[in-house]
Amino acid sequence: MAEVGADLGRLVARSHRVGSMEPEEQMQAEPVVPSVGWGVLHLFCRVTQSADREAVTSALKAAAAEEVQVVTVALLGHKGDIGFMVLGPDLWKLRRFQGQVTSAGLQIVASYVSLTEISEYAAGMPPEKTAPRLYPVLPPEGKPAFCFYPMSRRRDVGQNWWSLPFEKRNELMFGHGRTGRGFAGRVIQVVTGSSGIDDWEWGVTLFATKPDDLKDVVYTMRYDEASALYADFGPFYTGLVAPPDQVWDGLGIQTP
């Protein structure tokens, strides 16, 4: 009973403290951060008639003030108009940005949630190699061509990636990585983990010098056994990375 009384006392004290806070203070949730790395939120949006360009700009400035990185993308094709890749340690800040762009009149037509990570096949890598994977600085300079897609490993009979011994999986991933390194200087790849977080197991974001670099790297790497036999891919979102004003102007959409 003493423990129950103590717990009740703490709850009452907390309620008094919250009640004495200013409204702005009450709205600030406790940060939710990964034990290592950052949260990553991809938002693919359509510009509606009620879209407010200035409100979107304010949301981007607010994110920057909270040290949240936002990559802005002019999307190509019917899947959307504008995309955002949002990165930061506190998932509440990512969610706040999502709410702000929605309030600004952008309709989110697709999204993806993931976390930066170090692959189990990269064990033993020095910190200078792992830091850019956990805490990337984006967008990379000189890489305006953008592509995002989710992927998972197959669990089919005879093609079950997770039933392979670790040594075999490690061997296949080493070969896969060797192929990818052939595109150094042309393509920057950011692979984020999403098992238990979204519908697929990873999100893959590519930044490339030329649009055909995107096509070449995906086409070439699909010949690797790790992809040819054991990978499934989701929908692709392609676009052009640029500063927010340039992205908005490039959309060619007139809003009030």
Protein backbone atom coordinates (compact mmCIF):
# COMPACT_ATOMS: atom_id res chain seq x y z
CA MET A 1 0.00 0.00 0.00
CA ALA A 2 2.86 2.36 0.74
CA GLU A 3 4.12 1.91 -2.83
CA VAL A 4 0.65 2.63 -4.23
CA GLY A 5 0.44 5.75 -2.09
CA ALA A 6 3.83 6.91 -3.30
CA ASP A 7 2.86 6.34 -6.95
CA LEU A 8 -0.36 8.25 -6.43
CA GLY A 9 1.56 11.08 -4.82
CA ARG A 10 3.88 11.30 -7.81
CA LEU A 11 0.92 11.37 -10.21
CA VAL A 12 -0.77 14.15 -8.25
CA ALA A 13 2.47 16.15 -8.13
CA ARG A 14 2.91 15.68 -11.86
CA SER A 15 -0.66 16.80 -12.57
CA HIS A 16 -0.08 19.96 -10.50
CA ARG A 17 3.15 20.62 -12.37
CA VAL A 18 1.47 20.15 -15.77
CA GLY A 19 -1.44 22.32 -14.73
CA SER A 20 0.93 25.16 -13.86
CA MET A 21 2.71 25.01 -17.22
CA GLU A 22 2.15 27.43 -20.06
CA PRO A 23 0.20 25.90 -23.02
CA GLU A 24 3.38 25.76 -25.11
CA GLU A 25 5.16 23.77 -22.39
CA GLN A 26 2.30 21.29 -22.05
CA MET A 27 2.45 20.57 -25.78
CA GLN A 28 6.12 19.56 -25.69
CA ALA A 29 6.23 15.77 -25.53
CA GLU A 30 9.18 13.89 -24.12
CA PRO A 31 11.65 13.12 -26.94
CA VAL A 32 11.44 9.65 -28.46
CA VAL A 33 14.87 8.80 -29.85
CA PRO A 34 16.55 5.63 -31.13
CA SER A 35 19.31 4.14 -28.97
CA VAL A 36 21.61 4.78 -31.94
CA GLY A 37 21.10 6.65 -35.18
CA TRP A 38 18.21 8.82 -36.37
CA GLY A 39 14.60 8.53 -37.38
CA VAL A 40 13.83 8.93 -41.08
CA LEU A 41 10.49 9.97 -42.54
CA HIS A 42 9.78 10.05 -46.28
CA LEU A 43 6.68 12.03 -47.22
CA PHE A 44 5.32 12.13 -50.78
CA CYS A 45 2.71 14.83 -51.22
CA ARG A 46 0.26 16.32 -53.64
CA VAL A 47 -0.24 20.08 -53.79
CA THR A 48 -3.92 20.91 -53.23
CA GLN A 49 -5.81 24.08 -54.08
CA SER A 50 -5.51 25.16 -50.45
CA ALA A 51 -1.72 24.73 -50.37
CA ASP A 52 0.04 27.62 -48.63
CA ARG A 53 3.59 28.06 -49.88
CA GLU A 54 4.54 30.37 -47.02
CA ALA A 55 3.27 27.87 -44.45
CA VAL A 56 5.37 25.11 -46.04
CA THR A 57 8.38 27.43 -45.95
CA SER A 58 7.72 28.14 -42.26
CA ALA A 59 7.58 24.40 -41.54
CA LEU A 60 10.94 23.92 -43.23
CA LYS A 61 12.47 26.79 -41.25
CA ALA A 62 11.05 25.43 -38.00
CA ALA A 63 12.55 22.01 -38.74
CA ALA A 64 15.96 23.54 -39.47
CA ALA A 65 15.80 25.48 -36.19
CA GLU A 66 15.29 22.15 -34.37
CA GLU A 67 18.26 20.59 -36.21
CA VAL A 68 16.02 18.38 -38.31
CA GLN A 69 17.32 17.80 -41.83
CA VAL A 70 14.78 18.04 -44.65
CA VAL A 71 15.60 17.16 -48.26
CA THR A 72 13.09 18.67 -50.70
CA VAL A 73 12.32 16.88 -53.96
CA ALA A 74 10.23 17.79 -57.01
CA LEU A 75 8.61 14.46 -57.86
CA LEU A 76 8.26 13.17 -61.41
CA GLY A 77 5.18 11.26 -62.55
CA HIS A 78 1.65 10.84 -61.22
CA LYS A 79 2.57 9.59 -57.72
CA GLY A 80 2.96 13.06 -56.23
CA ASP A 81 4.19 16.61 -56.63
CA ILE A 82 6.67 17.24 -53.84
CA GLY A 83 8.64 14.93 -51.58
CA PHE A 84 10.43 15.38 -48.27
CA MET A 85 13.08 13.19 -46.68
CA VAL A 86 13.12 14.19 -43.01
CA LEU A 87 15.88 13.06 -40.64
CA GLY A 88 16.50 13.68 -36.96
CA PRO A 89 16.90 11.98 -33.58
CA ASP A 90 13.50 12.86 -32.07
CA LEU A 91 10.54 11.17 -33.75
CA TRP A 92 8.18 13.77 -32.27
CA LYS A 93 9.95 16.47 -34.30
CA LEU A 94 9.50 14.42 -37.46
CA ARG A 95 5.82 14.00 -36.63
CA ARG A 96 5.49 17.72 -36.00
CA PHE A 97 6.85 18.48 -39.46
CA GLN A 98 4.38 16.01 -40.95
CA GLY A 99 1.50 17.80 -39.23
CA GLN A 100 2.73 21.22 -40.32
CA VAL A 101 2.92 20.37 -44.04
CA THR A 102 -0.52 18.76 -43.83
CA SER A 103 -1.90 21.91 -42.22
CA ALA A 104 -0.22 23.88 -45.01
CA GLY A 105 -2.46 22.19 -47.57
CA LEU A 106 -0.23 19.36 -48.81
CA GLN A 107 -1.95 15.98 -49.12
CA ILE A 108 0.33 13.09 -48.14
CA VAL A 109 -0.27 10.35 -50.71
CA ALA A 110 2.50 8.00 -49.56
CA SER A 111 5.00 7.80 -46.73
CA TYR A 112 7.72 5.63 -45.28
CA VAL A 113 9.14 5.40 -41.75
CA SER A 114 12.57 3.95 -40.98
CA LEU A 115 15.73 4.38 -38.90
CA THR A 116 19.35 4.84 -39.89
CA GLU A 117 21.34 1.75 -39.04
CA ILE A 118 24.57 -0.21 -39.40
CA SER A 119 24.07 -3.50 -41.19
CA GLU A 120 24.93 -6.69 -39.35
CA TYR A 121 27.22 -7.41 -42.31
CA ALA A 122 29.24 -4.27 -41.57
CA ALA A 123 30.43 -5.35 -38.14
CA GLY A 124 33.90 -4.14 -37.30
CA MET A 125 33.83 -1.09 -39.55
CA PRO A 126 35.71 1.92 -38.11
CA PRO A 127 33.71 4.89 -36.77
CA GLU A 128 34.64 7.08 -39.74
CA LYS A 129 32.81 4.56 -41.93
CA THR A 130 29.78 4.02 -39.71
CA ALA A 131 29.10 7.64 -38.75
CA PRO A 132 27.89 8.71 -42.24
CA ARG A 133 25.43 5.80 -42.21
CA LEU A 134 24.00 6.62 -38.81
CA TYR A 135 24.16 10.41 -39.10
CA PRO A 136 24.18 11.32 -42.81
CA VAL A 137 24.48 14.92 -43.97
CA LEU A 138 21.99 15.36 -46.79
CA PRO A 139 21.49 16.12 -49.57
CA PRO A 140 24.92 15.31 -51.02
CA GLU A 141 26.39 18.04 -53.17
CA GLY A 142 26.13 17.58 -56.92
CA LYS A 143 23.59 14.73 -56.77
CA PRO A 144 20.25 16.20 -57.96
CA ALA A 145 18.72 12.94 -59.25
CA PHE A 146 16.66 11.23 -56.54
CA CYS A 147 15.02 7.85 -56.12
CA PHE A 148 13.41 6.06 -53.19
CA TYR A 149 12.07 2.53 -52.96
CA PRO A 150 11.39 0.01 -50.18
CA MET A 151 12.62 -3.57 -50.30
CA SER A 152 12.49 -6.83 -48.35
CA ARG A 153 14.24 -10.18 -48.41
CA ARG A 154 12.29 -13.13 -49.78
CA ARG A 155 10.96 -15.93 -47.62
CA ASP A 156 9.84 -18.22 -50.46
CA VAL A 157 10.43 -21.96 -50.43
CA GLY A 158 13.92 -22.45 -51.85
CA GLN A 159 14.51 -18.69 -51.77
CA ASN A 160 14.35 -17.88 -48.08
CA TRP A 161 17.07 -15.38 -47.28
CA TRP A 162 16.60 -15.79 -43.55
CA SER A 163 17.13 -19.54 -43.67
CA LEU A 164 20.62 -19.11 -45.12
CA PRO A 165 23.57 -19.39 -42.71
CA PHE A 166 25.00 -16.05 -41.69
CA GLU A 167 28.29 -16.85 -43.44
CA LYS A 168 26.47 -17.30 -46.77
CA ARG A 169 24.45 -14.13 -46.33
CA ASN A 170 27.61 -12.25 -45.41
CA GLU A 171 29.34 -13.54 -48.54
CA LEU A 172 26.44 -12.49 -50.76
CA MET A 173 26.26 -9.03 -49.21
CA PHE A 174 30.00 -8.55 -49.65
CA GLY A 175 29.61 -9.23 -53.36
CA HIS A 176 26.58 -6.94 -53.51
CA GLY A 177 28.55 -4.17 -51.86
CA ARG A 178 31.45 -4.65 -54.26
CA THR A 179 29.08 -4.07 -57.18
CA GLY A 180 27.70 -0.96 -55.52
CA ARG A 181 31.16 0.47 -54.93
CA GLY A 182 31.62 0.47 -58.69
CA PHE A 183 29.26 3.46 -58.73
CA ALA A 184 31.32 5.53 -56.28
CA GLY A 185 31.24 9.17 -57.27
CA ARG A 186 28.06 8.69 -59.30
CA VAL A 187 25.59 7.46 -56.69
CA ILE A 188 25.17 7.94 -52.93
CA GLN A 189 23.03 5.25 -51.28
CA VAL A 190 21.29 5.66 -47.93
CA VAL A 191 19.82 2.39 -46.63
CA THR A 192 17.55 2.66 -43.58
CA GLY A 193 15.96 -0.14 -41.56
CA SER A 194 12.22 -0.53 -41.10
CA SER A 195 11.54 -4.06 -39.80
CA GLY A 196 8.64 -3.74 -37.38
CA ILE A 197 8.23 -0.08 -38.31
CA ASP A 198 6.79 -0.06 -41.83
CA ASP A 199 5.54 -2.54 -44.46
CA TRP A 200 8.96 -3.45 -45.87
CA GLU A 201 12.29 -4.26 -44.23
CA TRP A 202 14.40 -1.42 -45.64
CA GLY A 203 14.07 1.89 -47.35
CA VAL A 204 16.63 2.70 -50.05
CA THR A 205 17.27 6.32 -51.01
CA LEU A 206 19.55 7.06 -53.95
CA PHE A 207 21.13 10.40 -54.86
CA ALA A 208 22.84 10.45 -58.26
CA THR A 209 24.71 12.78 -60.55
CA LYS A 210 22.64 11.89 -63.63
CA PRO A 211 19.17 10.30 -63.93
CA ASP A 212 20.60 7.36 -65.85
CA ASP A 213 22.97 6.68 -62.94
CA LEU A 214 19.87 5.68 -60.97
CA LYS A 215 18.80 3.28 -63.68
CA ASP A 216 22.28 1.84 -64.14
CA VAL A 217 22.95 1.12 -60.47
CA VAL A 218 19.60 -0.59 -59.82
CA TYR A 219 19.79 -2.56 -63.07
CA THR A 220 23.37 -3.69 -62.45
CA MET A 221 22.89 -4.65 -58.80
CA ARG A 222 19.81 -6.75 -59.58
CA TYR A 223 22.12 -9.27 -61.27
CA ASP A 224 23.81 -10.01 -57.95
CA GLU A 225 22.56 -13.21 -56.35
CA ALA A 226 21.57 -11.27 -53.23
CA SER A 227 19.03 -9.36 -55.34
CA ALA A 228 18.25 -11.75 -58.18
CA LEU A 229 17.18 -14.58 -55.87
CA TYR A 230 16.43 -12.96 -52.54
CA ALA A 231 15.06 -9.42 -52.99
CA ASP A 232 11.61 -7.95 -53.55
CA PHE A 233 11.15 -4.28 -54.38
CA GLY A 234 8.29 -1.89 -53.70
CA PRO A 235 7.16 1.21 -55.64
CA PHE A 236 9.76 3.68 -56.87
CA TYR A 237 9.53 7.43 -56.30
CA THR A 238 11.77 9.53 -58.54
CA GLY A 239 12.44 13.24 -58.55
CA LEU A 240 14.82 16.17 -58.54
CA VAL A 241 16.58 17.47 -55.43
CA ALA A 242 16.74 21.25 -55.09
CA PRO A 243 16.29 24.03 -52.52
CA PRO A 244 12.65 24.52 -51.43
CA ASP A 245 11.96 27.65 -53.51
CA GLN A 246 13.40 26.05 -56.62
CA VAL A 247 11.37 22.90 -56.05
CA TRP A 248 8.15 24.90 -55.60
CA ASP A 249 8.80 27.07 -58.67
CA GLY A 250 9.67 23.99 -60.71
CA LEU A 251 6.33 22.34 -59.93
CA GLY A 252 4.55 24.76 -62.25
CA ILE A 253 1.49 24.71 -59.99
CA GLN A 254 -0.51 27.86 -59.36
CA THR A 255 -1.92 28.16 -55.83
CA PRO A 256 -3.77 31.05 -54.17
